[in-house]
N, C-alpha and C. Protein backbone atom coordinates (compact mmCIF):
# COMPACT_ATOMS: atom_id res chain seq x y z
N ARG A 1 -181.86 -64.64 -107.56
CA ARG A 1 -180.44 -65.19 -106.66
C ARG A 1 -181.22 -65.61 -105.45
N GLY A 2 -180.23 -66.39 -104.78
CA GLY A 2 -180.20 -66.41 -103.72
C GLY A 2 -180.32 -65.55 -102.11
N GLY A 3 -181.02 -66.41 -100.80
CA GLY A 3 -180.98 -65.26 -99.97
C GLY A 3 -182.47 -65.63 -99.60
N GLY A 4 -182.00 -65.21 -98.09
CA GLY A 4 -183.55 -65.41 -97.42
C GLY A 4 -185.03 -64.18 -97.60
N GLY A 5 -184.94 -63.77 -98.55
CA GLY A 5 -186.29 -62.65 -98.90
C GLY A 5 -185.79 -61.27 -97.79
N GLY A 6 -184.33 -61.54 -98.12
CA GLY A 6 -184.52 -59.84 -97.53
C GLY A 6 -184.15 -59.03 -97.87
N GLY A 7 -184.01 -59.47 -99.21
CA GLY A 7 -183.62 -57.70 -100.39
C GLY A 7 -182.64 -57.66 -100.09
N GLY A 8 -181.65 -57.80 -99.34
CA GLY A 8 -180.25 -58.28 -99.54
C GLY A 8 -179.91 -57.65 -100.58
N GLY A 9 -179.80 -58.47 -101.34
CA GLY A 9 -179.16 -59.11 -102.77
C GLY A 9 -179.64 -57.70 -104.14
N ALA A 10 -180.92 -57.62 -103.89
CA ALA A 10 -181.09 -56.44 -105.13
C ALA A 10 -180.98 -55.12 -104.31
N SER A 11 -180.74 -54.61 -103.03
CA SER A 11 -179.61 -53.66 -102.83
C SER A 11 -178.66 -53.98 -103.13
N GLU A 12 -177.65 -54.34 -102.43
CA GLU A 12 -175.91 -54.95 -102.90
C GLU A 12 -176.12 -54.45 -104.81
N ALA A 13 -177.00 -55.15 -105.29
CA ALA A 13 -176.97 -55.34 -106.86
C ALA A 13 -177.53 -54.28 -107.45
N ALA A 14 -178.46 -52.82 -106.79
CA ALA A 14 -178.53 -51.59 -107.04
C ALA A 14 -176.89 -50.63 -106.89
N ARG A 15 -176.77 -51.23 -105.22
CA ARG A 15 -175.37 -50.45 -105.08
C ARG A 15 -174.35 -50.41 -106.08
N ARG A 16 -174.04 -51.27 -106.61
CA ARG A 16 -172.84 -52.21 -107.78
C ARG A 16 -172.68 -51.32 -109.17
N ASN A 17 -174.72 -51.79 -109.63
CA ASN A 17 -174.99 -50.84 -110.34
C ASN A 17 -174.61 -49.55 -110.47
N GLY A 18 -175.13 -48.87 -109.60
CA GLY A 18 -174.73 -46.84 -108.60
C GLY A 18 -173.32 -46.86 -109.36
N ALA A 19 -172.69 -48.03 -108.33
CA ALA A 19 -170.70 -47.37 -108.25
C ALA A 19 -170.75 -47.45 -109.55
N LEU A 20 -171.12 -48.50 -110.65
CA LEU A 20 -170.51 -48.82 -112.18
C LEU A 20 -170.51 -47.65 -113.01
N GLN A 21 -171.96 -47.39 -112.73
CA GLN A 21 -172.55 -45.75 -113.48
C GLN A 21 -171.35 -44.96 -113.18
N SER A 22 -171.37 -44.36 -111.85
CA SER A 22 -170.53 -43.40 -111.78
C SER A 22 -169.21 -43.64 -112.16
N SER A 23 -168.37 -44.60 -111.68
CA SER A 23 -167.19 -45.20 -112.60
C SER A 23 -167.26 -44.51 -113.97
N ARG A 24 -168.23 -45.40 -114.78
CA ARG A 24 -168.13 -45.06 -116.23
C ARG A 24 -168.50 -43.40 -116.60
N CYS A 25 -168.98 -42.09 -115.39
CA CYS A 25 -169.22 -41.52 -115.48
C CYS A 25 -167.87 -39.98 -115.31
N LEU A 26 -167.12 -40.63 -113.90
CA LEU A 26 -165.96 -40.19 -113.78
C LEU A 26 -165.27 -40.79 -115.53
N SER A 27 -164.68 -41.85 -115.75
CA SER A 27 -164.23 -42.08 -116.52
C SER A 27 -164.31 -41.62 -118.18
N LEU A 28 -165.20 -41.10 -118.70
CA LEU A 28 -166.12 -40.22 -119.41
C LEU A 28 -165.63 -38.64 -119.20
N ALA A 29 -165.66 -38.50 -118.39
CA ALA A 29 -165.39 -36.78 -117.73
C ALA A 29 -163.71 -36.55 -117.44
N SER A 30 -162.88 -37.71 -117.12
CA SER A 30 -161.52 -37.31 -117.22
C SER A 30 -161.21 -37.58 -119.19
N ASP A 31 -161.63 -38.23 -119.67
CA ASP A 31 -161.37 -38.42 -121.36
C ASP A 31 -161.76 -36.72 -122.00
N MET A 32 -163.03 -35.97 -121.17
CA MET A 32 -162.88 -34.80 -121.78
C MET A 32 -162.12 -33.90 -121.28
N LEU A 33 -162.06 -34.05 -120.30
CA LEU A 33 -160.78 -32.99 -119.13
C LEU A 33 -159.66 -33.38 -120.49
N ASN A 34 -159.19 -34.56 -120.60
CA ASN A 34 -157.91 -34.90 -121.48
C ASN A 34 -158.06 -33.82 -122.73
N ILE A 35 -158.88 -34.11 -123.68
CA ILE A 35 -159.46 -34.06 -124.81
C ILE A 35 -159.29 -32.01 -124.43
N ARG A 36 -159.37 -31.67 -123.70
CA ARG A 36 -159.58 -30.18 -123.18
C ARG A 36 -158.22 -29.78 -123.06
N LEU A 37 -157.53 -30.41 -122.33
CA LEU A 37 -156.03 -29.90 -121.80
C LEU A 37 -155.21 -29.79 -123.09
N PHE A 38 -155.26 -31.14 -123.59
CA PHE A 38 -154.54 -31.30 -124.37
C PHE A 38 -154.77 -30.46 -125.75
N GLU A 39 -156.04 -30.24 -126.17
CA GLU A 39 -156.09 -29.01 -126.75
C GLU A 39 -155.81 -27.48 -126.38
N GLU A 40 -155.83 -27.24 -125.84
CA GLU A 40 -156.05 -25.94 -124.58
C GLU A 40 -154.73 -25.69 -124.52
N VAL A 41 -154.10 -26.34 -123.34
CA VAL A 41 -152.96 -26.21 -123.26
C VAL A 41 -151.18 -26.60 -124.23
N ARG A 42 -151.32 -27.50 -124.98
CA ARG A 42 -150.14 -27.92 -125.68
C ARG A 42 -150.67 -27.69 -127.38
N GLU A 43 -152.20 -27.63 -127.49
CA GLU A 43 -152.06 -27.15 -129.19
C GLU A 43 -152.11 -26.20 -129.37
N ARG A 44 -153.23 -25.33 -128.32
CA ARG A 44 -153.58 -23.74 -128.67
C ARG A 44 -152.13 -22.42 -128.14
N LEU A 45 -152.15 -23.31 -126.65
CA LEU A 45 -151.29 -22.41 -126.49
C LEU A 45 -149.70 -22.49 -125.86
N SER A 46 -149.81 -23.88 -126.45
CA SER A 46 -148.04 -24.71 -126.82
C SER A 46 -147.24 -24.12 -125.73
N LEU A 47 -147.86 -24.81 -124.71
CA LEU A 47 -147.54 -24.87 -123.60
C LEU A 47 -146.33 -25.70 -123.02
N VAL A 48 -146.42 -26.69 -123.39
CA VAL A 48 -146.27 -28.24 -122.99
C VAL A 48 -145.85 -29.04 -124.29
N TYR A 49 -144.92 -30.06 -124.06
CA TYR A 49 -144.41 -30.97 -125.04
C TYR A 49 -145.70 -32.01 -125.03
N ASP A 50 -146.52 -32.44 -123.62
CA ASP A 50 -147.34 -33.05 -123.72
C ASP A 50 -147.85 -33.23 -122.34
N ILE A 51 -149.22 -33.25 -122.55
CA ILE A 51 -150.14 -33.40 -121.07
C ILE A 51 -151.33 -34.19 -121.45
N ARG A 52 -151.21 -34.99 -119.45
CA ARG A 52 -151.99 -35.90 -119.81
C ARG A 52 -153.04 -36.03 -118.47
N LEU A 53 -154.52 -35.91 -118.31
CA LEU A 53 -154.93 -36.56 -116.84
C LEU A 53 -155.20 -38.09 -116.53
N ALA A 54 -154.66 -38.45 -115.29
CA ALA A 54 -155.52 -40.03 -115.44
C ALA A 54 -156.53 -39.89 -114.46
N TRP A 55 -157.36 -40.81 -114.41
CA TRP A 55 -158.36 -41.06 -113.44
C TRP A 55 -157.83 -42.50 -112.42
N ALA A 56 -157.67 -42.58 -111.07
CA ALA A 56 -158.22 -44.28 -110.50
C ALA A 56 -158.93 -44.46 -109.76
N PRO A 57 -159.98 -44.84 -110.18
CA PRO A 57 -160.42 -45.26 -108.63
C PRO A 57 -159.91 -45.73 -107.86
N PHE A 58 -160.24 -46.07 -106.29
CA PHE A 58 -159.95 -47.10 -105.45
C PHE A 58 -161.71 -47.88 -105.64
N GLU A 59 -160.93 -49.18 -105.51
CA GLU A 59 -162.24 -50.39 -105.27
C GLU A 59 -162.62 -50.42 -104.04
N VAL A 60 -161.84 -49.61 -102.76
CA VAL A 60 -162.46 -49.91 -101.29
C VAL A 60 -163.18 -48.55 -100.86
N TYR A 61 -162.67 -47.77 -101.72
CA TYR A 61 -163.42 -46.90 -101.26
C TYR A 61 -164.42 -45.58 -101.45
N SER A 62 -165.09 -45.21 -101.56
CA SER A 62 -166.04 -44.61 -102.99
C SER A 62 -165.04 -43.49 -103.73
N ALA A 63 -164.20 -43.20 -103.76
CA ALA A 63 -163.13 -42.12 -104.24
C ALA A 63 -162.27 -42.53 -105.29
N GLY A 64 -161.03 -41.79 -105.78
CA GLY A 64 -160.40 -42.14 -106.43
C GLY A 64 -159.33 -41.39 -106.67
N LEU A 65 -158.67 -41.18 -107.77
CA LEU A 65 -156.97 -40.25 -107.45
C LEU A 65 -157.09 -40.03 -109.04
N VAL A 66 -156.86 -38.56 -109.31
CA VAL A 66 -156.48 -37.50 -109.91
C VAL A 66 -155.19 -37.07 -110.52
N THR A 67 -154.70 -37.69 -111.41
CA THR A 67 -153.39 -36.76 -111.65
C THR A 67 -153.10 -36.04 -113.01
N ILE A 68 -152.40 -35.28 -112.82
CA ILE A 68 -152.41 -34.53 -113.83
C ILE A 68 -151.24 -34.59 -114.44
N GLU A 69 -150.16 -34.52 -115.75
CA GLU A 69 -148.56 -34.64 -115.65
C GLU A 69 -148.63 -33.82 -117.18
N PHE A 70 -147.54 -32.70 -117.07
CA PHE A 70 -147.44 -32.17 -118.01
C PHE A 70 -145.46 -32.04 -118.26
N SER A 71 -145.69 -31.82 -119.18
CA SER A 71 -143.98 -31.01 -120.14
C SER A 71 -143.75 -30.09 -120.27
N PRO A 72 -143.67 -28.81 -119.40
CA PRO A 72 -143.36 -27.85 -120.01
C PRO A 72 -141.79 -27.09 -120.71
N ALA A 73 -141.49 -26.46 -120.65
CA ALA A 73 -140.12 -26.31 -121.22
C ALA A 73 -139.05 -26.09 -119.53
N PRO A 74 -138.64 -26.31 -119.29
CA PRO A 74 -137.35 -26.40 -117.66
C PRO A 74 -137.01 -25.39 -117.02
N ASP A 75 -137.64 -24.09 -117.28
CA ASP A 75 -137.97 -22.89 -116.57
C ASP A 75 -139.02 -22.39 -115.85
N ASP A 76 -138.49 -21.51 -114.82
CA ASP A 76 -139.67 -21.25 -114.21
C ASP A 76 -140.92 -20.37 -114.43
N ALA A 77 -140.81 -19.86 -115.69
CA ALA A 77 -141.87 -19.27 -116.34
C ALA A 77 -142.46 -19.90 -116.90
N SER A 78 -142.45 -20.77 -117.74
CA SER A 78 -142.53 -21.67 -118.98
C SER A 78 -143.33 -22.58 -117.61
N ILE A 79 -143.02 -23.27 -116.69
CA ILE A 79 -143.43 -24.17 -115.64
C ILE A 79 -144.90 -23.09 -115.06
N ALA A 80 -144.47 -21.49 -114.67
CA ALA A 80 -145.79 -21.33 -113.91
C ALA A 80 -146.93 -21.03 -114.97
N ALA A 81 -146.53 -20.89 -116.16
CA ALA A 81 -147.52 -20.32 -117.43
C ALA A 81 -148.59 -21.52 -117.52
N ALA A 82 -147.71 -23.30 -117.67
CA ALA A 82 -147.95 -23.82 -118.36
C ALA A 82 -149.47 -24.26 -116.89
N THR A 83 -148.90 -24.23 -116.02
CA THR A 83 -149.49 -24.52 -114.62
C THR A 83 -150.78 -23.85 -114.43
N ALA A 84 -151.06 -22.00 -114.85
CA ALA A 84 -151.76 -21.29 -114.58
C ALA A 84 -152.70 -21.45 -115.83
N ALA A 85 -152.32 -22.36 -117.18
CA ALA A 85 -153.05 -22.28 -118.14
C ALA A 85 -153.96 -23.93 -117.44
N VAL A 86 -152.95 -25.36 -116.97
CA VAL A 86 -154.05 -26.13 -116.54
C VAL A 86 -155.10 -25.42 -115.34
N GLN A 87 -154.79 -25.12 -114.23
CA GLN A 87 -155.81 -24.18 -113.21
C GLN A 87 -156.92 -24.20 -114.34
N ARG A 88 -156.49 -22.87 -114.97
CA ARG A 88 -157.83 -22.37 -115.58
C ARG A 88 -158.98 -22.98 -116.05
N THR A 89 -158.46 -24.08 -117.28
CA THR A 89 -158.66 -24.69 -117.71
C THR A 89 -159.76 -25.89 -117.29
N LEU A 90 -158.82 -26.26 -115.74
CA LEU A 90 -159.57 -27.77 -115.47
C LEU A 90 -160.73 -26.14 -114.80
N LYS A 91 -160.81 -24.69 -114.39
CA LYS A 91 -161.29 -23.80 -113.90
C LYS A 91 -163.03 -23.83 -114.78
N GLU A 92 -162.46 -23.44 -116.07
CA GLU A 92 -163.81 -23.40 -116.98
C GLU A 92 -164.43 -24.81 -117.33
N ALA A 93 -164.17 -25.72 -117.29
CA ALA A 93 -164.73 -27.13 -117.24
C ALA A 93 -165.53 -26.90 -116.05
N LEU A 94 -165.11 -27.25 -114.46
CA LEU A 94 -165.92 -26.80 -113.68
C LEU A 94 -167.35 -25.95 -113.61
N GLU A 95 -166.60 -25.00 -114.39
CA GLU A 95 -168.44 -24.14 -114.47
C GLU A 95 -168.94 -24.02 -115.54
N GLY A 96 -168.49 -24.83 -116.93
CA GLY A 96 -169.09 -24.62 -117.71
C GLY A 96 -169.28 -25.81 -118.46
N GLY A 97 -168.89 -26.54 -117.85
CA GLY A 97 -169.32 -28.14 -118.36
C GLY A 97 -168.09 -28.41 -119.80
N PHE A 98 -169.08 -29.61 -120.28
CA PHE A 98 -168.11 -29.79 -121.18
C PHE A 98 -169.02 -29.64 -123.17
N THR A 99 -169.03 -29.28 -123.83
CA THR A 99 -168.46 -28.98 -125.19
C THR A 99 -169.35 -31.17 -125.71
N ALA A 100 -171.15 -30.41 -126.74
CA ALA A 100 -171.55 -31.73 -127.11
C ALA A 100 -169.87 -32.50 -128.42
N GLU A 101 -169.19 -31.82 -128.13
CA GLU A 101 -168.13 -32.27 -129.79
C GLU A 101 -167.36 -33.26 -128.40
N GLU A 102 -167.30 -32.34 -127.42
CA GLU A 102 -166.06 -32.86 -126.19
C GLU A 102 -166.77 -34.58 -125.90
N PHE A 103 -168.09 -34.35 -125.81
CA PHE A 103 -168.75 -35.44 -125.33
C PHE A 103 -168.16 -36.71 -126.43
N GLU A 104 -168.70 -36.48 -127.72
CA GLU A 104 -168.96 -37.06 -128.63
C GLU A 104 -167.47 -38.51 -128.81
N ARG A 105 -166.58 -37.02 -128.69
CA ARG A 105 -165.17 -37.82 -128.61
C ARG A 105 -164.80 -38.45 -127.81
N ALA A 106 -165.19 -38.39 -126.47
CA ALA A 106 -164.70 -39.01 -125.72
C ALA A 106 -165.79 -40.28 -125.33
N LYS A 107 -166.99 -39.88 -126.13
CA LYS A 107 -167.75 -41.36 -125.81
C LYS A 107 -167.17 -42.93 -126.48
N VAL A 108 -166.59 -42.34 -127.83
CA VAL A 108 -166.80 -42.74 -128.43
C VAL A 108 -165.52 -44.61 -128.32
N PRO A 109 -164.44 -44.42 -127.30
CA PRO A 109 -163.60 -45.30 -127.61
C PRO A 109 -164.05 -45.42 -126.22
N LEU A 110 -164.47 -45.60 -125.42
CA LEU A 110 -165.53 -45.95 -124.27
C LEU A 110 -166.89 -46.86 -124.36
N VAL A 111 -167.17 -46.68 -126.06
CA VAL A 111 -168.79 -47.42 -125.97
C VAL A 111 -167.89 -48.70 -126.96
N GLY A 112 -166.40 -48.20 -127.54
CA GLY A 112 -166.31 -49.24 -128.16
C GLY A 112 -165.87 -50.18 -127.31
N ALA A 113 -165.15 -49.93 -126.04
CA ALA A 113 -164.34 -50.57 -125.10
C ALA A 113 -165.30 -51.96 -124.87
N MET A 114 -166.40 -51.07 -124.54
CA MET A 114 -168.09 -52.31 -124.21
C MET A 114 -168.13 -52.66 -124.69
N ARG A 115 -168.04 -52.28 -125.83
CA ARG A 115 -168.62 -53.68 -127.19
C ARG A 115 -167.48 -54.38 -127.16
N ASP A 116 -166.39 -54.34 -126.86
CA ASP A 116 -165.56 -55.45 -126.76
C ASP A 116 -165.75 -56.16 -125.57
N ALA A 117 -165.88 -55.80 -124.35
CA ALA A 117 -166.24 -56.54 -123.31
C ALA A 117 -167.45 -57.45 -123.77
N VAL A 118 -168.42 -57.09 -124.02
CA VAL A 118 -169.56 -57.44 -124.04
C VAL A 118 -169.36 -58.68 -125.58
N GLY A 119 -168.59 -58.92 -125.90
CA GLY A 119 -168.53 -59.63 -127.58
C GLY A 119 -167.48 -60.73 -127.06
N SER A 120 -166.83 -60.14 -125.93
CA SER A 120 -165.80 -61.49 -125.31
C SER A 120 -166.59 -62.30 -124.29
């Protein structure tokens, strides 16, 4: 790479690689949370019709936006129960981490997308 030998290019490349690695890790974590929320709140507890977590990285800041959307029955008790289950599930993930099975299930689409990107 061009430059006056100040090493700025190398440090910029390292910063970009670090940001890319962080982005991939956060994407994988959001996929694992999606799996956990879907299986716990929808499948096991049957508290919602649908649930999804979305993570959107910001390009300018080293941050992002996480949203969780879910569709419980339209009554106060169902909304409260679903909200409590989502909060409990998130807390368990934060405190206990993810299982090897969740990791394996979440990485398959990510690896496939990366292979597709490299192949095209």
